[in-house]
Amino acid sequence: MRHLKKGKKFNRLRGPRISFMRNLANDLIRSGKVETTETRAKEMRPQVEKLVTIAKRQDLAARRLVMKRAHNKKIVEKLMTDLGPRYADRKGGYLRIVKLAASRKRDGARMARIEFV
């Protein structure tokens, strides 16, 4: 039973699933928007919003926490220099999920675009 288990498994083991979500989040931070399935977008939103919230603090401890979760120096720089100050006065809700009309051709999965507000 999956009582008190949150998050989707995406048919992956724990390590590949964490790496998969980290890579999706890094792509979103790098480019500003990503087209993916709705479930992936919904699963990714809390992780990226927590990274932006940490980056708003603008101190060494925050930089180290972001580096621990993102594993990429360029992503950390973008979070600390661009996104953190940009959302400094905003309480939350940094991302928007737009559901797209088209579905994925091979399996019919509903697509969505996740982007920064």
PDB file of N, CA and C in Angstrom:
ATOM      1  N   MET A   1       0.839  -1.193   0.000  1.00  0.00           N
ATOM      2  CA  MET A   1       0.000   0.000   0.000  1.00  0.00           C
ATOM      3  C   MET A   1       0.877   1.248   0.000  1.00  0.00           C
ATOM      4  N   ARG A   2       0.355   2.309  -0.612  1.00  0.00           N
ATOM      5  CA  ARG A   2       1.135   3.537  -0.756  1.00  0.00           C
ATOM      6  C   ARG A   2       0.673   4.616   0.226  1.00  0.00           C
ATOM      7  N   HIS A   3       0.308   4.230   1.427  1.00  0.00           N
ATOM      8  CA  HIS A   3      -0.116   5.223   2.407  1.00  0.00           C
ATOM      9  C   HIS A   3       1.026   6.171   2.733  1.00  0.00           C
ATOM     10  N   LEU A   4       0.734   7.456   2.776  1.00  0.00           N
ATOM     11  CA  LEU A   4       1.682   8.520   3.127  1.00  0.00           C
ATOM     12  C   LEU A   4       2.880   8.587   2.187  1.00  0.00           C
ATOM     13  N   LYS A   5       2.729   8.079   0.977  1.00  0.00           N
ATOM     14  CA  LYS A   5       3.790   8.175  -0.029  1.00  0.00           C
ATOM     15  C   LYS A   5       3.383   9.256  -1.008  1.00  0.00           C
ATOM     16  N   LYS A   6       4.209  10.280  -1.142  1.00  0.00           N
ATOM     17  CA  LYS A   6       3.840  11.328  -2.077  1.00  0.00           C
ATOM     18  C   LYS A   6       4.776  11.281  -3.276  1.00  0.00           C
ATOM     19  N   GLY A   7       4.281  11.712  -4.392  1.00  0.00           N
ATOM     20  CA  GLY A   7       5.079  11.749  -5.599  1.00  0.00           C
ATOM     21  C   GLY A   7       4.819  10.562  -6.503  1.00  0.00           C
ATOM     22  N   LYS A   8       5.015  10.792  -7.782  1.00  0.00           N
ATOM     23  CA  LYS A   8       4.852   9.750  -8.782  1.00  0.00           C
ATOM     24  C   LYS A   8       6.158   8.978  -8.933  1.00  0.00           C
ATOM     25  N   LYS A   9       6.051   7.745  -9.414  1.00  0.00           N
ATOM     26  CA  LYS A   9       7.245   6.916  -9.580  1.00  0.00           C
ATOM     27  C   LYS A   9       7.788   6.967 -11.005  1.00  0.00           C
ATOM     28  N   PHE A  10       6.946   7.274 -11.985  1.00  0.00           N
ATOM     29  CA  PHE A  10       7.347   7.372 -13.387  1.00  0.00           C
ATOM     30  C   PHE A  10       8.032   6.103 -13.885  1.00  0.00           C
ATOM     31  N   ASN A  11       7.662   4.961 -13.330  1.00  0.00           N
ATOM     32  CA  ASN A  11       8.194   3.660 -13.749  1.00  0.00           C
ATOM     33  C   ASN A  11       9.725   3.618 -13.677  1.00  0.00           C
ATOM     34  N   ARG A  12      10.295   4.256 -12.653  1.00  0.00           N
ATOM     35  CA  ARG A  12      11.745   4.276 -12.474  1.00  0.00           C
ATOM     36  C   ARG A  12      12.077   3.914 -11.032  1.00  0.00           C
ATOM     37  N   LEU A  13      13.285   3.436 -10.839  1.00  0.00           N
ATOM     38  CA  LEU A  13      13.781   3.224  -9.489  1.00  0.00           C
ATOM     39  C   LEU A  13      14.125   4.563  -8.859  1.00  0.00           C
ATOM     40  N   ARG A  14      14.472   4.557  -7.590  1.00  0.00           N
ATOM     41  CA  ARG A  14      14.664   5.796  -6.840  1.00  0.00           C
ATOM     42  C   ARG A  14      15.774   6.680  -7.423  1.00  0.00           C
ATOM     43  N   GLY A  15      16.939   6.122  -7.665  1.00  0.00           N
ATOM     44  CA  GLY A  15      18.056   6.919  -8.169  1.00  0.00           C
ATOM     45  C   GLY A  15      17.790   7.528  -9.537  1.00  0.00           C
ATOM     46  N   PRO A  16      17.391   6.726 -10.528  1.00  0.00           N
ATOM     47  CA  PRO A  16      17.076   7.300 -11.837  1.00  0.00           C
ATOM     48  C   PRO A  16      15.928   8.302 -11.796  1.00  0.00           C
ATOM     49  N   ARG A  17      14.961   8.084 -10.889  1.00  0.00           N
ATOM     50  CA  ARG A  17      13.838   9.023 -10.775  1.00  0.00           C
ATOM     51  C   ARG A  17      14.310  10.375 -10.240  1.00  0.00           C
ATOM     52  N   ILE A  18      15.177  10.363  -9.238  1.00  0.00           N
ATOM     53  CA  ILE A  18      15.703  11.619  -8.697  1.00  0.00           C
ATOM     54  C   ILE A  18      16.520  12.350  -9.753  1.00  0.00           C
ATOM     55  N   SER A  19      17.342  11.615 -10.486  1.00  0.00           N
ATOM     56  CA  SER A  19      18.149  12.211 -11.543  1.00  0.00           C
ATOM     57  C   SER A  19      17.274  12.769 -12.662  1.00  0.00           C
ATOM     58  N   PHE A  20      16.231  12.051 -13.016  1.00  0.00           N
ATOM     59  CA  PHE A  20      15.300  12.477 -14.046  1.00  0.00           C
ATOM     60  C   PHE A  20      14.629  13.796 -13.667  1.00  0.00           C
ATOM     61  N   MET A  21      14.129  13.899 -12.438  1.00  0.00           N
ATOM     62  CA  MET A  21      13.463  15.121 -12.005  1.00  0.00           C
ATOM     63  C   MET A  21      14.453  16.270 -11.868  1.00  0.00           C
ATOM     64  N   ARG A  22      15.685  15.993 -11.436  1.00  0.00           N
ATOM     65  CA  ARG A  22      16.710  17.021 -11.335  1.00  0.00           C
ATOM     66  C   ARG A  22      17.044  17.575 -12.717  1.00  0.00           C
ATOM     67  N   ASN A  23      17.173  16.686 -13.704  1.00  0.00           N
ATOM     68  CA  ASN A  23      17.477  17.131 -15.062  1.00  0.00           C
ATOM     69  C   ASN A  23      16.333  17.950 -15.655  1.00  0.00           C
ATOM     70  N   LEU A  24      15.085  17.543 -15.397  1.00  0.00           N
ATOM     71  CA  LEU A  24      13.950  18.326 -15.875  1.00  0.00           C
ATOM     72  C   LEU A  24      13.947  19.711 -15.238  1.00  0.00           C
ATOM     73  N   ALA A  25      14.201  19.770 -13.945  1.00  0.00           N
ATOM     74  CA  ALA A  25      14.236  21.056 -13.247  1.00  0.00           C
ATOM     75  C   ALA A  25      15.368  21.931 -13.771  1.00  0.00           C
ATOM     76  N   ASN A  26      16.536  21.341 -14.018  1.00  0.00           N
ATOM     77  CA  ASN A  26      17.654  22.113 -14.558  1.00  0.00           C
ATOM     78  C   ASN A  26      17.340  22.644 -15.950  1.00  0.00           C
ATOM     79  N   ASP A  27      16.673  21.842 -16.777  1.00  0.00           N
ATOM     80  CA  ASP A  27      16.280  22.314 -18.105  1.00  0.00           C
ATOM     81  C   ASP A  27      15.310  23.486 -18.005  1.00  0.00           C
ATOM     82  N   LEU A  28      14.386  23.404 -17.065  1.00  0.00           N
ATOM     83  CA  LEU A  28      13.422  24.488 -16.882  1.00  0.00           C
ATOM     84  C   LEU A  28      14.117  25.763 -16.433  1.00  0.00           C
ATOM     85  N   ILE A  29      15.031  25.662 -15.495  1.00  0.00           N
ATOM     86  CA  ILE A  29      15.743  26.842 -15.004  1.00  0.00           C
ATOM     87  C   ILE A  29      16.624  27.424 -16.098  1.00  0.00           C
ATOM     88  N   ARG A  30      17.260  26.562 -16.872  1.00  0.00           N
ATOM     89  CA  ARG A  30      18.162  27.009 -17.937  1.00  0.00           C
ATOM     90  C   ARG A  30      17.408  27.768 -19.029  1.00  0.00           C
ATOM     91  N   SER A  31      16.275  27.215 -19.493  1.00  0.00           N
ATOM     92  CA  SER A  31      15.601  27.792 -20.647  1.00  0.00           C
ATOM     93  C   SER A  31      14.412  28.680 -20.300  1.00  0.00           C
ATOM     94  N   GLY A  32      13.868  28.552 -19.113  1.00  0.00           N
ATOM     95  CA  GLY A  32      12.731  29.381 -18.727  1.00  0.00           C
ATOM     96  C   GLY A  32      11.389  28.720 -18.960  1.00  0.00           C
ATOM     97  N   LYS A  33      11.315  27.756 -19.874  1.00  0.00           N
ATOM     98  CA  LYS A  33      10.076  27.013 -20.105  1.00  0.00           C
ATOM     99  C   LYS A  33      10.411  25.660 -20.711  1.00  0.00           C
ATOM    100  N   VAL A  34       9.541  24.672 -20.435  1.00  0.00           N
ATOM    101  CA  VAL A  34       9.739  23.317 -20.922  1.00  0.00           C
ATOM    102  C   VAL A  34       8.373  22.747 -21.281  1.00  0.00           C
ATOM    103  N   GLU A  35       8.289  22.040 -22.406  1.00  0.00           N
ATOM    104  CA  GLU A  35       7.073  21.315 -22.755  1.00  0.00           C
ATOM    105  C   GLU A  35       7.264  19.856 -22.361  1.00  0.00           C
ATOM    106  N   THR A  36       6.369  19.360 -21.541  1.00  0.00           N
ATOM    107  CA  THR A  36       6.450  17.997 -21.028  1.00  0.00           C
ATOM    108  C   THR A  36       5.037  17.519 -20.733  1.00  0.00           C
ATOM    109  N   THR A  37       4.893  16.354 -20.138  1.00  0.00           N
ATOM    110  CA  THR A  37       3.557  15.874 -19.802  1.00  0.00           C
ATOM    111  C   THR A  37       3.042  16.609 -18.562  1.00  0.00           C
ATOM    112  N   GLU A  38       1.731  16.563 -18.395  1.00  0.00           N
ATOM    113  CA  GLU A  38       1.117  17.261 -17.255  1.00  0.00           C
ATOM    114  C   GLU A  38       1.611  16.711 -15.925  1.00  0.00           C
ATOM    115  N   THR A  39       1.705  15.400 -15.811  1.00  0.00           N
ATOM    116  CA  THR A  39       2.108  14.818 -14.528  1.00  0.00           C
ATOM    117  C   THR A  39       3.551  15.171 -14.199  1.00  0.00           C
ATOM    118  N   ARG A  40       4.418  15.195 -15.205  1.00  0.00           N
ATOM    119  CA  ARG A  40       5.802  15.592 -14.954  1.00  0.00           C
ATOM    120  C   ARG A  40       5.871  17.054 -14.532  1.00  0.00           C
ATOM    121  N   ALA A  41       5.091  17.904 -15.178  1.00  0.00           N
ATOM    122  CA  ALA A  41       5.096  19.327 -14.831  1.00  0.00           C
ATOM    123  C   ALA A  41       4.584  19.542 -13.408  1.00  0.00           C
ATOM    124  N   LYS A  42       3.525  18.828 -13.049  1.00  0.00           N
ATOM    125  CA  LYS A  42       2.963  18.978 -11.709  1.00  0.00           C
ATOM    126  C   LYS A  42       3.910  18.455 -10.639  1.00  0.00           C
ATOM    127  N   GLU A  43       4.675  17.436 -10.980  1.00  0.00           N
ATOM    128  CA  GLU A  43       5.634  16.871 -10.034  1.00  0.00           C
ATOM    129  C   GLU A  43       6.868  17.757  -9.898  1.00  0.00           C
ATOM    130  N   MET A  44       7.212  18.460 -10.967  1.00  0.00           N
ATOM    131  CA  MET A  44       8.424  19.274 -10.983  1.00  0.00           C
ATOM    132  C   MET A  44       8.221  20.640 -10.317  1.00  0.00           C
ATOM    133  N   ARG A  45       7.010  21.173 -10.372  1.00  0.00           N
ATOM    134  CA  ARG A  45       6.761  22.527  -9.875  1.00  0.00           C
ATOM    135  C   ARG A  45       7.187  22.743  -8.426  1.00  0.00           C
ATOM    136  N   PRO A  46       6.830  21.894  -7.454  1.00  0.00           N
ATOM    137  CA  PRO A  46       7.250  22.161  -6.075  1.00  0.00           C
ATOM    138  C   PRO A  46       8.763  22.168  -5.892  1.00  0.00           C
ATOM    139  N   GLN A  47       9.466  21.326  -6.617  1.00  0.00           N
ATOM    140  CA  GLN A  47      10.923  21.274  -6.477  1.00  0.00           C
ATOM    141  C   GLN A  47      11.568  22.560  -6.955  1.00  0.00           C
ATOM    142  N   VAL A  48      11.143  23.059  -8.108  1.00  0.00           N
ATOM    143  CA  VAL A  48      11.743  24.278  -8.652  1.00  0.00           C
ATOM    144  C   VAL A  48      11.352  25.482  -7.807  1.00  0.00           C
ATOM    145  N   GLU A  49      10.120  25.519  -7.327  1.00  0.00           N
ATOM    146  CA  GLU A  49       9.705  26.651  -6.497  1.00  0.00           C
ATOM    147  C   GLU A  49      10.483  26.678  -5.179  1.00  0.00           C
ATOM    148  N   LYS A  50      10.805  25.526  -4.625  1.00  0.00           N
ATOM    149  CA  LYS A  50      11.619  25.494  -3.414  1.00  0.00           C
ATOM    150  C   LYS A  50      13.032  25.992  -3.696  1.00  0.00           C
ATOM    151  N   LEU A  51      13.580  25.641  -4.868  1.00  0.00           N
ATOM    152  CA  LEU A  51      14.912  26.140  -5.235  1.00  0.00           C
ATOM    153  C   LEU A  51      14.911  27.654  -5.359  1.00  0.00           C
ATOM    154  N   VAL A  52      13.887  28.224  -5.977  1.00  0.00           N
ATOM    155  CA  VAL A  52      13.817  29.680  -6.125  1.00  0.00           C
ATOM    156  C   VAL A  52      13.655  30.342  -4.763  1.00  0.00           C
ATOM    157  N   THR A  53      12.856  29.738  -3.883  1.00  0.00           N
ATOM    158  CA  THR A  53      12.668  30.295  -2.543  1.00  0.00           C
ATOM    159  C   THR A  53      13.978  30.302  -1.766  1.00  0.00           C
ATOM    160  N   ILE A  54      14.750  29.249  -1.896  1.00  0.00           N
ATOM    161  CA  ILE A  54      16.054  29.204  -1.229  1.00  0.00           C
ATOM    162  C   ILE A  54      16.984  30.252  -1.835  1.00  0.00           C
ATOM    163  N   ALA A  55      16.955  30.393  -3.157  1.00  0.00           N
ATOM    164  CA  ALA A  55      17.842  31.338  -3.848  1.00  0.00           C
ATOM    165  C   ALA A  55      17.515  32.780  -3.514  1.00  0.00           C
ATOM    166  N   LYS A  56      16.320  33.060  -3.038  1.00  0.00           N
ATOM    167  CA  LYS A  56      15.955  34.437  -2.673  1.00  0.00           C
ATOM    168  C   LYS A  56      16.739  34.940  -1.475  1.00  0.00           C
ATOM    169  N   ARG A  57      17.276  34.018  -0.656  1.00  0.00           N
ATOM    170  CA  ARG A  57      17.982  34.448   0.561  1.00  0.00           C
ATOM    171  C   ARG A  57      19.317  35.108   0.263  1.00  0.00           C
ATOM    172  N   GLN A  58      19.965  34.732  -0.835  1.00  0.00           N
ATOM    173  CA  GLN A  58      21.194  35.384  -1.292  1.00  0.00           C
ATOM    174  C   GLN A  58      22.335  35.328  -0.269  1.00  0.00           C
ATOM    175  N   ASP A  59      22.561  34.173   0.338  1.00  0.00           N
ATOM    176  CA  ASP A  59      23.707  34.026   1.215  1.00  0.00           C
ATOM    177  C   ASP A  59      24.438  32.726   0.884  1.00  0.00           C
ATOM    178  N   LEU A  60      25.548  32.510   1.535  1.00  0.00           N
ATOM    179  CA  LEU A  60      26.381  31.359   1.223  1.00  0.00           C
ATOM    180  C   LEU A  60      25.683  30.039   1.539  1.00  0.00           C
ATOM    181  N   ALA A  61      24.949  29.998   2.638  1.00  0.00           N
ATOM    182  CA  ALA A  61      24.244  28.773   2.998  1.00  0.00           C
ATOM    183  C   ALA A  61      23.185  28.429   1.944  1.00  0.00           C
ATOM    184  N   ALA A  62      22.498  29.447   1.442  1.00  0.00           N
ATOM    185  CA  ALA A  62      21.496  29.224   0.402  1.00  0.00           C
ATOM    186  C   ALA A  62      22.157  28.727  -0.879  1.00  0.00           C
ATOM    187  N   ARG A  63      23.304  29.310  -1.229  1.00  0.00           N
ATOM    188  CA  ARG A  63      24.025  28.881  -2.436  1.00  0.00           C
ATOM    189  C   ARG A  63      24.446  27.412  -2.309  1.00  0.00           C
ATOM    190  N   ARG A  64      24.895  27.013  -1.135  1.00  0.00           N
ATOM    191  CA  ARG A  64      25.321  25.630  -0.933  1.00  0.00           C
ATOM    192  C   ARG A  64      24.137  24.662  -0.982  1.00  0.00           C
ATOM    193  N   LEU A  65      22.995  25.078  -0.425  1.00  0.00           N
ATOM    194  CA  LEU A  65      21.804  24.238  -0.481  1.00  0.00           C
ATOM    195  C   LEU A  65      21.333  24.043  -1.927  1.00  0.00           C
ATOM    196  N   VAL A  66      21.343  25.134  -2.706  1.00  0.00           N
ATOM    197  CA  VAL A  66      20.933  25.041  -4.106  1.00  0.00           C
ATOM    198  C   VAL A  66      21.910  24.154  -4.869  1.00  0.00           C
ATOM    199  N   MET A  67      23.202  24.288  -4.600  1.00  0.00           N
ATOM    200  CA  MET A  67      24.198  23.454  -5.274  1.00  0.00           C
ATOM    201  C   MET A  67      24.013  21.977  -4.918  1.00  0.00           C
ATOM    202  N   LYS A  68      23.631  21.711  -3.687  1.00  0.00           N
ATOM    203  CA  LYS A  68      23.407  20.344  -3.244  1.00  0.00           C
ATOM    204  C   LYS A  68      22.243  19.716  -4.005  1.00  0.00           C
ATOM    205  N   ARG A  69      21.239  20.521  -4.352  1.00  0.00           N
ATOM    206  CA  ARG A  69      20.051  19.984  -5.011  1.00  0.00           C
ATOM    207  C   ARG A  69      20.120  20.046  -6.528  1.00  0.00           C
ATOM    208  N   ALA A  70      20.859  21.013  -7.089  1.00  0.00           N
ATOM    209  CA  ALA A  70      20.872  21.180  -8.545  1.00  0.00           C
ATOM    210  C   ALA A  70      22.050  20.482  -9.211  1.00  0.00           C
ATOM    211  N   HIS A  71      23.175  20.372  -8.549  1.00  0.00           N
ATOM    212  CA  HIS A  71      24.371  19.687  -9.066  1.00  0.00           C
ATOM    213  C   HIS A  71      24.926  20.324 -10.332  1.00  0.00           C
ATOM    214  N   ASN A  72      24.751  21.641 -10.523  1.00  0.00           N
ATOM    215  CA  ASN A  72      25.246  22.294 -11.729  1.00  0.00           C
ATOM    216  C   ASN A  72      25.561  23.749 -11.396  1.00  0.00           C
ATOM    217  N   LYS A  73      26.818  24.159 -11.596  1.00  0.00           N
ATOM    218  CA  LYS A  73      27.227  25.511 -11.207  1.00  0.00           C
ATOM    219  C   LYS A  73      26.529  26.591 -12.027  1.00  0.00           C
ATOM    220  N   LYS A  74      26.281  26.346 -13.308  1.00  0.00           N
ATOM    221  CA  LYS A  74      25.615  27.342 -14.146  1.00  0.00           C
ATOM    222  C   LYS A  74      24.172  27.557 -13.710  1.00  0.00           C
ATOM    223  N   ILE A  75      23.514  26.470 -13.323  1.00  0.00           N
ATOM    224  CA  ILE A  75      22.139  26.575 -12.833  1.00  0.00           C
ATOM    225  C   ILE A  75      22.107  27.348 -11.519  1.00  0.00           C
ATOM    226  N   VAL A  76      23.070  27.081 -10.650  1.00  0.00           N
ATOM    227  CA  VAL A  76      23.148  27.792  -9.370  1.00  0.00           C
ATOM    228  C   VAL A  76      23.381  29.279  -9.606  1.00  0.00           C
ATOM    229  N   GLU A  77      24.263  29.609 -10.535  1.00  0.00           N
ATOM    230  CA  GLU A  77      24.524  31.027 -10.847  1.00  0.00           C
ATOM    231  C   GLU A  77      23.264  31.705 -11.359  1.00  0.00           C
ATOM    232  N   LYS A  78      22.524  31.037 -12.252  1.00  0.00           N
ATOM    233  CA  LYS A  78      21.301  31.631 -12.787  1.00  0.00           C
ATOM    234  C   LYS A  78      20.272  31.825 -11.684  1.00  0.00           C
ATOM    235  N   LEU A  79      20.143  30.843 -10.796  1.00  0.00           N
ATOM    236  CA  LEU A  79      19.199  30.974  -9.689  1.00  0.00           C
ATOM    237  C   LEU A  79      19.583  32.119  -8.761  1.00  0.00           C
ATOM    238  N   MET A  80      20.858  32.205  -8.409  1.00  0.00           N
ATOM    239  CA  MET A  80      21.283  33.196  -7.422  1.00  0.00           C
ATOM    240  C   MET A  80      21.353  34.613  -8.006  1.00  0.00           C
ATOM    241  N   THR A  81      21.698  34.757  -9.285  1.00  0.00           N
ATOM    242  CA  THR A  81      21.857  36.102  -9.846  1.00  0.00           C
ATOM    243  C   THR A  81      20.624  36.608 -10.572  1.00  0.00           C
ATOM    244  N   ASP A  82      19.857  35.708 -11.220  1.00  0.00           N
ATOM    245  CA  ASP A  82      18.711  36.162 -12.003  1.00  0.00           C
ATOM    246  C   ASP A  82      17.382  35.915 -11.304  1.00  0.00           C
ATOM    247  N   LEU A  83      17.105  34.657 -11.002  1.00  0.00           N
ATOM    248  CA  LEU A  83      15.773  34.298 -10.524  1.00  0.00           C
ATOM    249  C   LEU A  83      15.523  34.699  -9.071  1.00  0.00           C
ATOM    250  N   GLY A  84      16.514  34.572  -8.210  1.00  0.00           N
ATOM    251  CA  GLY A  84      16.337  34.961  -6.812  1.00  0.00           C
ATOM    252  C   GLY A  84      15.965  36.425  -6.656  1.00  0.00           C
ATOM    253  N   PRO A  85      16.761  37.352  -7.228  1.00  0.00           N
ATOM    254  CA  PRO A  85      16.390  38.768  -7.134  1.00  0.00           C
ATOM    255  C   PRO A  85      15.106  39.117  -7.885  1.00  0.00           C
ATOM    256  N   ARG A  86      14.825  38.409  -8.983  1.00  0.00           N
ATOM    257  CA  ARG A  86      13.622  38.719  -9.769  1.00  0.00           C
ATOM    258  C   ARG A  86      12.347  38.454  -8.973  1.00  0.00           C
ATOM    259  N   TYR A  87      12.370  37.418  -8.136  1.00  0.00           N
ATOM    260  CA  TYR A  87      11.185  37.073  -7.353  1.00  0.00           C
ATOM    261  C   TYR A  87      11.349  37.422  -5.876  1.00  0.00           C
ATOM    262  N   ALA A  88      12.205  38.377  -5.557  1.00  0.00           N
ATOM    263  CA  ALA A  88      12.481  38.719  -4.164  1.00  0.00           C
ATOM    264  C   ALA A  88      11.240  39.221  -3.430  1.00  0.00           C
ATOM    265  N   ASP A  89      10.365  39.947  -4.109  1.00  0.00           N
ATOM    266  CA  ASP A  89       9.189  40.508  -3.451  1.00  0.00           C
ATOM    267  C   ASP A  89       7.950  39.631  -3.609  1.00  0.00           C
ATOM    268  N   ARG A  90       8.087  38.495  -4.231  1.00  0.00           N
ATOM    269  CA  ARG A  90       6.954  37.600  -4.466  1.00  0.00           C
ATOM    270  C   ARG A  90       6.965  36.479  -3.427  1.00  0.00           C
ATOM    271  N   LYS A  91       5.810  36.156  -2.865  1.00  0.00           N
ATOM    272  CA  LYS A  91       5.715  35.172  -1.791  1.00  0.00           C
ATOM    273  C   LYS A  91       5.803  33.732  -2.296  1.00  0.00           C
ATOM    274  N   GLY A  92       5.395  33.490  -3.501  1.00  0.00           N
ATOM    275  CA  GLY A  92       5.414  32.133  -4.048  1.00  0.00           C
ATOM    276  C   GLY A  92       4.715  32.133  -5.389  1.00  0.00           C
ATOM    277  N   GLY A  93       4.522  30.971  -5.964  1.00  0.00           N
ATOM    278  CA  GLY A  93       3.848  30.874  -7.251  1.00  0.00           C
ATOM    279  C   GLY A  93       4.695  31.423  -8.374  1.00  0.00           C
ATOM    280  N   TYR A  94       5.919  30.935  -8.488  1.00  0.00           N
ATOM    281  CA  TYR A  94       6.843  31.445  -9.503  1.00  0.00           C
ATOM    282  C   TYR A  94       6.630  30.774 -10.849  1.00  0.00           C
ATOM    283  N   LEU A  95       5.906  29.674 -10.883  1.00  0.00           N
ATOM    284  CA  LEU A  95       5.740  28.894 -12.112  1.00  0.00           C
ATOM    285  C   LEU A  95       4.277  28.825 -12.514  1.00  0.00           C
ATOM    286  N   ARG A  96       4.063  28.666 -13.814  1.00  0.00           N
ATOM    287  CA  ARG A  96       2.718  28.504 -14.349  1.00  0.00           C
ATOM    288  C   ARG A  96       2.733  27.267 -15.242  1.00  0.00           C
ATOM    289  N   ILE A  97       1.673  26.474 -15.142  1.00  0.00           N
ATOM    290  CA  ILE A  97       1.512  25.306 -15.999  1.00  0.00           C
ATOM    291  C   ILE A  97       0.364  25.594 -16.954  1.00  0.00           C
ATOM    292  N   VAL A  98       0.661  25.564 -18.256  1.00  0.00           N
ATOM    293  CA  VAL A  98      -0.336  25.788 -19.298  1.00  0.00           C
ATOM    294  C   VAL A  98      -0.584  24.451 -19.978  1.00  0.00           C
ATOM    295  N   LYS A  99      -1.813  23.979 -19.929  1.00  0.00           N
ATOM    296  CA  LYS A  99      -2.148  22.714 -20.568  1.00  0.00           C
ATOM    297  C   LYS A  99      -2.293  22.944 -22.065  1.00  0.00           C
ATOM    298  N   LEU A 100      -1.634  22.103 -22.840  1.00  0.00           N
ATOM    299  CA  LEU A 100      -1.651  22.235 -24.291  1.00  0.00           C
ATOM    300  C   LEU A 100      -2.762  21.375 -24.887  1.00  0.00           C
ATOM    301  N   ALA A 101      -3.262  21.787 -26.049  1.00  0.00           N
ATOM    302  CA  ALA A 101      -4.357  21.056 -26.690  1.00  0.00           C
ATOM    303  C   ALA A 101      -3.876  19.735 -27.275  1.00  0.00           C
ATOM    304  N   ALA A 102      -2.648  19.691 -27.747  1.00  0.00           N
ATOM    305  CA  ALA A 102      -2.133  18.483 -28.383  1.00  0.00           C
ATOM    306  C   ALA A 102      -1.713  17.465 -27.329  1.00  0.00           C
ATOM    307  N   SER A 103      -1.901  16.208 -27.680  1.00  0.00           N
ATOM    308  CA  SER A 103      -1.403  15.142 -26.828  1.00  0.00           C
ATOM    309  C   SER A 103      -0.237  14.467 -27.546  1.00  0.00           C
ATOM    310  N   ARG A 104       0.572  13.751 -26.793  1.00  0.00           N
ATOM    311  CA  ARG A 104       1.731  13.092 -27.374  1.00  0.00           C
ATOM    312  C   ARG A 104       1.277  11.964 -28.291  1.00  0.00           C
ATOM    313  N   LYS A 105       1.906  11.883 -29.448  1.00  0.00           N
ATOM    314  CA  LYS A 105       1.412  10.984 -30.481  1.00  0.00           C
ATOM    315  C   LYS A 105       1.580   9.510 -30.122  1.00  0.00           C
ATOM    316  N   ARG A 106       2.686   9.134 -29.516  1.00  0.00           N
ATOM    317  CA  ARG A 106       2.951   7.710 -29.328  1.00  0.00           C
ATOM    318  C   ARG A 106       2.101   7.065 -28.243  1.00  0.00           C
ATOM    319  N   ASP A 107       1.752   7.817 -27.194  1.00  0.00           N
ATOM    320  CA  ASP A 107       0.968   7.193 -26.128  1.00  0.00           C
ATOM    321  C   ASP A 107      -0.247   8.009 -25.698  1.00  0.00           C
ATOM    322  N   GLY A 108      -0.469   9.160 -26.316  1.00  0.00           N
ATOM    323  CA  GLY A 108      -1.649   9.955 -25.997  1.00  0.00           C
ATOM    324  C   GLY A 108      -1.561  10.700 -24.681  1.00  0.00           C
ATOM    325  N   ALA A 109      -0.367  10.869 -24.139  1.00  0.00           N
ATOM    326  CA  ALA A 109      -0.222  11.576 -22.865  1.00  0.00           C
ATOM    327  C   ALA A 109      -0.541  13.053 -23.058  1.00  0.00           C
ATOM    328  N   ARG A 110      -1.217  13.639 -22.088  1.00  0.00           N
ATOM    329  CA  ARG A 110      -1.580  15.048 -22.169  1.00  0.00           C
ATOM    330  C   ARG A 110      -0.343  15.896 -21.908  1.00  0.00           C
ATOM    331  N   MET A 111      -0.129  16.869 -22.774  1.00  0.00           N
ATOM    332  CA  MET A 111       1.071  17.697 -22.714  1.00  0.00           C
ATOM    333  C   MET A 111       0.762  19.025 -22.022  1.00  0.00           C
ATOM    334  N   ALA A 112       1.808  19.623 -21.477  1.00  0.00           N
ATOM    335  CA  ALA A 112       1.682  20.909 -20.798  1.00  0.00           C
ATOM    336  C   ALA A 112       3.006  21.656 -20.954  1.00  0.00           C
ATOM    337  N   ARG A 113       2.940  22.967 -20.819  1.00  0.00           N
ATOM    338  CA  ARG A 113       4.143  23.793 -20.828  1.00  0.00           C
ATOM    339  C   ARG A 113       4.259  24.421 -19.443  1.00  0.00           C
ATOM    340  N   ILE A 114       5.407  24.253 -18.819  1.00  0.00           N
ATOM    341  CA  ILE A 114       5.655  24.855 -17.520  1.00  0.00           C
ATOM    342  C   ILE A 114       6.667  25.972 -17.735  1.00  0.00           C
ATOM    343  N   GLU A 115       6.379  27.148 -17.176  1.00  0.00           N
ATOM    344  CA  GLU A 115       7.222  28.322 -17.411  1.00  0.00           C
ATOM    345  C   GLU A 115       7.189  29.241 -16.201  1.00  0.00           C
ATOM    346  N   PHE A 116       8.197  30.100 -16.129  1.00  0.00           N
ATOM    347  CA  PHE A 116       8.252  31.079 -15.054  1.00  0.00           C
ATOM    348  C   PHE A 116       7.265  32.210 -15.331  1.00  0.00           C
ATOM    349  N   VAL A 117       6.661  32.729 -14.282  1.00  0.00           N
ATOM    350  CA  VAL A 117       5.695  33.818 -14.409  1.00  0.00           C
ATOM    351  C   VAL A 117       6.408  35.104 -14.740  1.00  0.00           C
TER     352      VAL A 117
END
